[in-house]
Protein backbone atom coordinates (compact mmCIF):
# COMPACT_ATOMS: atom_id res chain seq x y z
CA MET A 1 158.81 92.90 151.54
CA LYS A 2 155.42 94.90 151.52
CA ARG A 3 154.45 97.59 149.31
CA VAL A 4 151.14 99.43 149.11
CA ILE A 5 149.44 100.65 145.93
CA GLN A 6 146.37 103.05 146.73
CA ILE A 7 143.55 103.63 144.29
CA ASP A 8 141.10 106.59 144.46
CA SER A 9 138.04 104.20 143.85
CA VAL A 10 136.49 101.10 145.53
CA ILE A 11 137.21 97.83 144.08
CA GLN A 12 134.05 95.84 144.93
CA ASP A 13 135.13 92.33 144.12
CA SER A 14 138.73 91.51 144.87
CA SER A 15 138.33 88.00 143.41
CA THR A 16 138.58 89.85 139.88
CA ALA A 17 141.26 92.19 140.90
CA THR A 18 145.05 91.28 140.75
CA VAL A 19 148.15 93.07 141.21
CA VAL A 20 150.70 92.08 138.43
CA VAL A 21 154.22 92.66 137.69
CA PHE A 22 154.88 94.34 134.30
CA ASP A 23 157.69 93.64 132.24
CA PRO A 24 158.25 96.70 129.83
CA ARG A 25 160.61 94.76 127.42
CA THR A 26 158.15 91.87 126.80
CA GLY A 27 155.03 93.50 127.54
CA LYS A 28 153.89 90.54 129.75
CA MET A 29 152.09 90.53 133.04
CA GLN A 30 152.37 88.02 135.83
CA PHE A 31 150.46 87.49 139.22
CA VAL A 32 151.74 89.23 142.29
CA PRO A 33 150.57 88.25 145.78
CA ALA A 34 148.33 90.94 147.18
CA VAL A 35 145.46 91.52 149.45
CA PHE A 36 142.88 94.24 148.70
CA MET A 37 141.13 96.23 151.43
CA VAL A 38 138.83 99.32 151.03
CA LYS A 39 139.47 102.13 153.55
CA ASP A 40 137.94 105.45 153.53
CA GLY A 41 136.37 105.10 150.01
CA LYS A 42 139.62 104.04 148.72
CA THR A 43 141.13 100.73 147.90
CA GLU A 44 144.61 99.57 149.19
CA ALA A 45 146.63 96.78 147.56
CA THR A 46 149.26 95.43 149.81
CA ILE A 47 151.65 93.62 147.71
CA THR A 48 153.94 90.88 149.27
CA ARG A 49 157.10 89.97 147.29
CA ASN A 50 160.71 89.60 147.57
CA THR A 51 161.92 91.61 144.44
CA ASN A 52 161.66 95.20 143.06
CA SER A 53 159.55 95.60 140.08
CA MET A 54 157.01 97.62 138.28
CA TYR A 55 153.60 96.87 139.44
CA ALA A 56 150.02 97.40 138.07
CA ILE A 57 146.45 96.50 139.08
CA VAL A 58 144.21 94.87 136.55
CA GLN A 59 140.79 93.40 136.84
CA ASN A 60 140.05 90.20 135.03
CA LYS A 61 137.18 87.67 135.34
CA LYS A 62 137.83 84.20 134.00
CA THR A 63 135.15 81.47 133.64
CA PHE A 64 135.34 77.90 132.07
CA ASP A 65 132.42 75.97 130.43
CA ASP A 66 133.39 72.69 132.20
CA MET A 67 133.39 74.04 135.71
CA ALA A 68 129.86 75.13 135.82
CA GLY A 69 128.44 73.44 138.88
CA HIS A 70 131.69 71.78 139.79
CA TRP A 71 132.60 71.51 143.46
CA ALA A 72 135.86 73.43 142.81
CA GLN A 73 134.28 76.15 140.39
CA LYS A 74 134.86 78.95 142.83
CA ASP A 75 138.39 78.27 143.64
CA VAL A 76 139.45 77.44 140.25
CA GLU A 77 138.04 80.53 138.51
CA LEU A 78 139.37 82.75 141.33
CA LEU A 79 142.78 81.52 140.60
CA ALA A 80 142.36 81.75 136.77
CA SER A 81 140.93 85.29 137.21
CA LYS A 82 144.32 86.12 138.99
CA MET A 83 146.38 84.45 136.30
CA ILE A 84 147.72 81.91 138.64
CA ILE A 85 146.53 78.93 136.64
CA ASN A 86 145.56 78.35 133.10
CA GLY A 87 142.81 76.34 131.35
CA THR A 88 143.70 73.62 128.92
CA SER A 89 141.89 75.89 126.43
CA ASP A 90 140.29 79.23 126.45
CA HIS A 91 136.98 77.81 127.58
CA SER A 92 137.91 74.39 129.37
CA TYR A 93 139.88 73.84 132.56
CA THR A 94 139.46 69.98 132.39
CA PRO A 95 139.25 69.69 136.29
CA GLU A 96 139.58 65.85 136.41
CA MET A 97 142.92 65.59 134.42
CA GLN A 98 145.78 64.33 136.40
CA VAL A 99 148.49 66.70 137.28
CA THR A 100 152.37 66.00 136.83
CA ARG A 101 155.08 67.11 139.15
CA ALA A 102 156.09 69.87 136.91
CA GLN A 103 152.72 71.25 136.37
CA PHE A 104 152.00 71.39 140.07
CA VAL A 105 155.20 73.07 140.91
CA ALA A 106 154.56 75.70 138.22
CA MET A 107 150.98 76.51 139.54
CA LEU A 108 152.61 77.07 143.06
CA VAL A 109 155.48 79.12 141.98
CA ARG A 110 153.26 81.37 140.13
CA GLY A 111 150.90 81.46 143.23
CA LEU A 112 153.76 82.50 145.56
CA GLY A 113 154.88 85.19 143.04
CA LEU A 114 158.44 84.08 143.07
CA SER A 115 160.59 85.45 140.42
CA THR A 116 161.87 82.90 138.09
CA GLU A 117 165.29 82.99 136.42
CA THR A 118 167.66 80.88 134.41
CA LEU A 119 169.29 78.82 136.99
CA PRO A 120 172.04 76.09 136.78
CA ALA A 121 170.56 72.73 136.29
CA VAL A 122 169.70 71.09 139.63
CA PHE A 123 168.08 67.80 138.04
CA THR A 124 169.49 65.98 135.27
CA ASP A 125 165.99 65.12 133.88
CA VAL A 126 164.87 68.73 133.56
CA ALA A 127 166.09 70.04 130.34
CA ALA A 128 166.74 73.71 130.13
CA THR A 129 164.62 73.82 126.98
CA GLN A 130 161.44 72.58 128.89
CA TRP A 131 158.75 75.07 129.58
CA TYR A 132 158.89 74.32 133.38
CA ALA A 133 162.64 74.60 133.76
CA SER A 134 162.88 77.86 135.20
CA LYS A 135 159.65 76.97 137.54
CA VAL A 136 161.36 73.71 138.96
CA GLY A 137 164.73 75.37 139.34
CA THR A 138 163.06 78.21 141.18
CA ALA A 139 161.29 75.75 143.46
CA ALA A 140 164.58 73.99 144.26
CA LYS A 141 166.37 77.18 144.92
CA TYR A 142 163.73 78.12 147.72
CA GLY A 143 163.72 74.57 149.00
CA LEU A 144 160.11 73.70 147.77
CA VAL A 145 161.34 70.59 146.05
CA GLN A 146 164.24 68.10 146.50
CA GLY A 147 163.53 65.63 143.84
CA VAL A 148 162.61 61.98 144.00
CA SER A 149 166.31 60.78 144.33
CA GLU A 150 169.73 62.39 143.78
CA GLY A 151 169.69 64.56 140.58
CA LEU A 152 166.10 63.40 139.38
CA PHE A 153 162.91 65.18 139.63
CA ASN A 154 160.60 63.02 137.47
CA PRO A 155 158.86 66.12 136.07
CA ASP A 156 156.39 64.13 134.01
CA GLU A 157 155.48 61.69 136.81
CA HIS A 158 151.99 62.32 138.06
CA ILE A 159 151.96 63.84 141.67
CA THR A 160 150.15 62.15 144.53
CA ARG A 161 147.96 63.83 146.97
CA GLU A 162 150.43 63.43 149.71
CA GLN A 163 153.16 64.82 147.67
CA MET A 164 151.23 68.00 147.15
CA VAL A 165 150.87 68.33 150.80
CA VAL A 166 154.50 67.94 151.63
CA ILE A 167 155.49 70.66 148.83
CA LEU A 168 152.54 73.12 150.08
CA MET A 169 153.77 72.80 153.76
CA LYS A 170 157.34 73.78 152.62
CA ALA A 171 155.81 76.78 151.01
CA VAL A 172 154.19 77.78 154.23
CA ALA A 173 157.53 77.63 156.10
CA LEU A 174 159.16 79.67 153.41
CA VAL A 175 156.54 82.48 153.51
CA GLN A 176 156.34 82.45 157.36
CA GLY A 177 159.97 82.45 157.81
CA THR A 178 159.96 79.69 160.18
CA ALA A 179 161.46 76.21 160.13
CA LYS A 180 158.99 73.42 160.08
CA THR A 181 158.42 72.23 163.69
CA ASP A 182 157.97 68.68 164.75
CA VAL A 183 154.11 67.88 164.70
CA LYS A 184 152.75 64.65 166.07
CA ALA A 185 151.86 62.45 162.91
CA THR A 186 148.27 61.70 163.68
CA THR A 187 145.11 62.54 161.65
CA GLN A 188 141.50 61.61 161.60
CA PHE A 189 141.82 59.55 158.53
CA ALA A 190 141.18 55.73 158.52
CA ASP A 191 143.57 55.44 155.61
CA GLN A 192 146.50 56.92 157.30
CA ASP A 193 148.52 53.67 157.17
CA GLN A 194 148.85 54.39 153.43
CA LEU A 195 150.75 57.44 154.23
CA SER A 196 154.62 57.41 153.40
CA ASP A 197 156.55 58.21 156.48
CA TYR A 198 158.01 61.44 154.93
CA ALA A 199 154.58 62.84 154.48
CA ARG A 200 153.03 62.08 157.83
CA SER A 201 154.01 65.20 159.71
CA ALA A 202 153.25 67.39 156.75
CA LEU A 203 149.62 66.04 156.44
CA SER A 204 149.13 66.49 160.21
CA GLU A 205 150.36 70.06 160.15
CA ALA A 206 148.17 70.94 157.14
CA VAL A 207 145.08 69.17 158.46
CA GLY A 208 145.79 71.01 161.91
CA LYS A 209 145.78 74.44 160.08
CA GLY A 210 142.69 73.53 158.06
CA LEU A 211 144.51 73.77 154.76
CA VAL A 212 143.56 70.27 153.37
CA HIS A 213 140.42 68.05 153.59
CA GLY A 214 139.92 64.32 152.77
CA LYS A 215 138.26 62.96 149.63
CA THR A 216 135.78 61.70 152.37
CA GLU A 217 135.36 62.58 156.03
CA THR A 218 137.34 59.51 156.91
CA THR A 219 139.83 58.94 153.94
CA PHE A 220 142.44 61.16 152.57
CA ALA A 221 143.64 58.76 149.81
CA PRO A 222 147.32 59.88 150.04
CA GLN A 223 148.42 57.65 147.04
CA ASP A 224 145.97 58.78 144.65
CA ILE A 225 147.05 60.90 141.86
CA ALA A 226 145.90 64.46 142.22
CA THR A 227 143.51 66.23 139.66
CA ARG A 228 143.78 69.78 138.43
CA ALA A 229 140.66 70.79 140.59
CA GLU A 230 142.33 69.34 143.74
CA ALA A 231 145.53 71.07 142.97
CA ALA A 232 143.77 74.40 142.50
CA VAL A 233 141.74 74.02 145.70
CA MET A 234 144.83 73.27 147.86
CA ILE A 235 147.00 76.01 146.30
CA LYS A 236 144.04 78.44 146.97
CA GLN A 237 143.82 77.21 150.54
CA VAL A 238 147.45 78.00 151.21
CA LEU A 239 147.51 81.33 149.47
CA GLN A 240 144.75 82.47 151.58
CA PHE A 241 146.28 81.06 154.87
CA LEU A 242 149.46 83.07 154.08
CA LYS A 243 147.41 86.21 153.38
CA LEU A 244 148.74 86.31 149.94
CA ILE A 245 145.38 86.67 148.45
CA ASN A 246 141.97 87.82 149.80
C-alpha cells in the first residue's frame, strides 16, 4: 500500500530524510521505505508498506571515520542515515568485516520495511532468544530465505556473494508482486563456472537489471565471503531499483 505525507517546506537532501514508523509504547523508530519529491514548494513523501502504523519524518546524517574515501562510502552512509544499517560502533562501520547470513537478512528485512513479529520457529538452529530471530522468521515468512537444508538456516555462517544475490532477487520478486521468470543463465564473467547451479538464473537476472557488479570487469567471485561494504551496496542498489528509496 502507498500513502503520502506532505510537508509545507522543501527537503533539499533526501539522503538525510527518512520516514519512520513510531511505536508509542517503546518510543522507538524504525525505517520505512519512502521516496521524497518536491512539488510546488512542498515535499511529498510516498510511503510503501504492507501494514498500518503511525509514521513520522526525521532528518538524520550519519558518517563513519573508517569510511572516509572508501569506494562504498556514499552508499554505506546513505543507508546508515536512513537507519537501515548500523555501525560496529558510533564512529566505525568496519567495511571489510565479513557478514553472516543472519546479519545480511536483518539488513534486508529492515531495508524492505517488513514488520517483524514473534513467529513460530522455522529453523531449529535459530533460537527465539537470538537478536536476529524475528528478522530471520520474517524473511522465511515472505519467502526470502529457505535455509541451507531442512530445518537449518546456519545463521552464523558467513554469506557468499552468490547467496546474497539469490536472496536479493527473491526480494525483488516479492516487492514487484511477480514470480521469478526463467532467465537464460549467462553472464559476462569469466569465473561463472564457479557459480552454484541454484544461483545462475538469479545472477543473470541481477546483472541484466544492473543491480550487481563484479569484483572486476571480468570476475564476480561468487564463492567469496561478502563484506559489510558489499552487502550495503547491493541492498542500496535493490532498494533504489524497487523505488523504495530515492
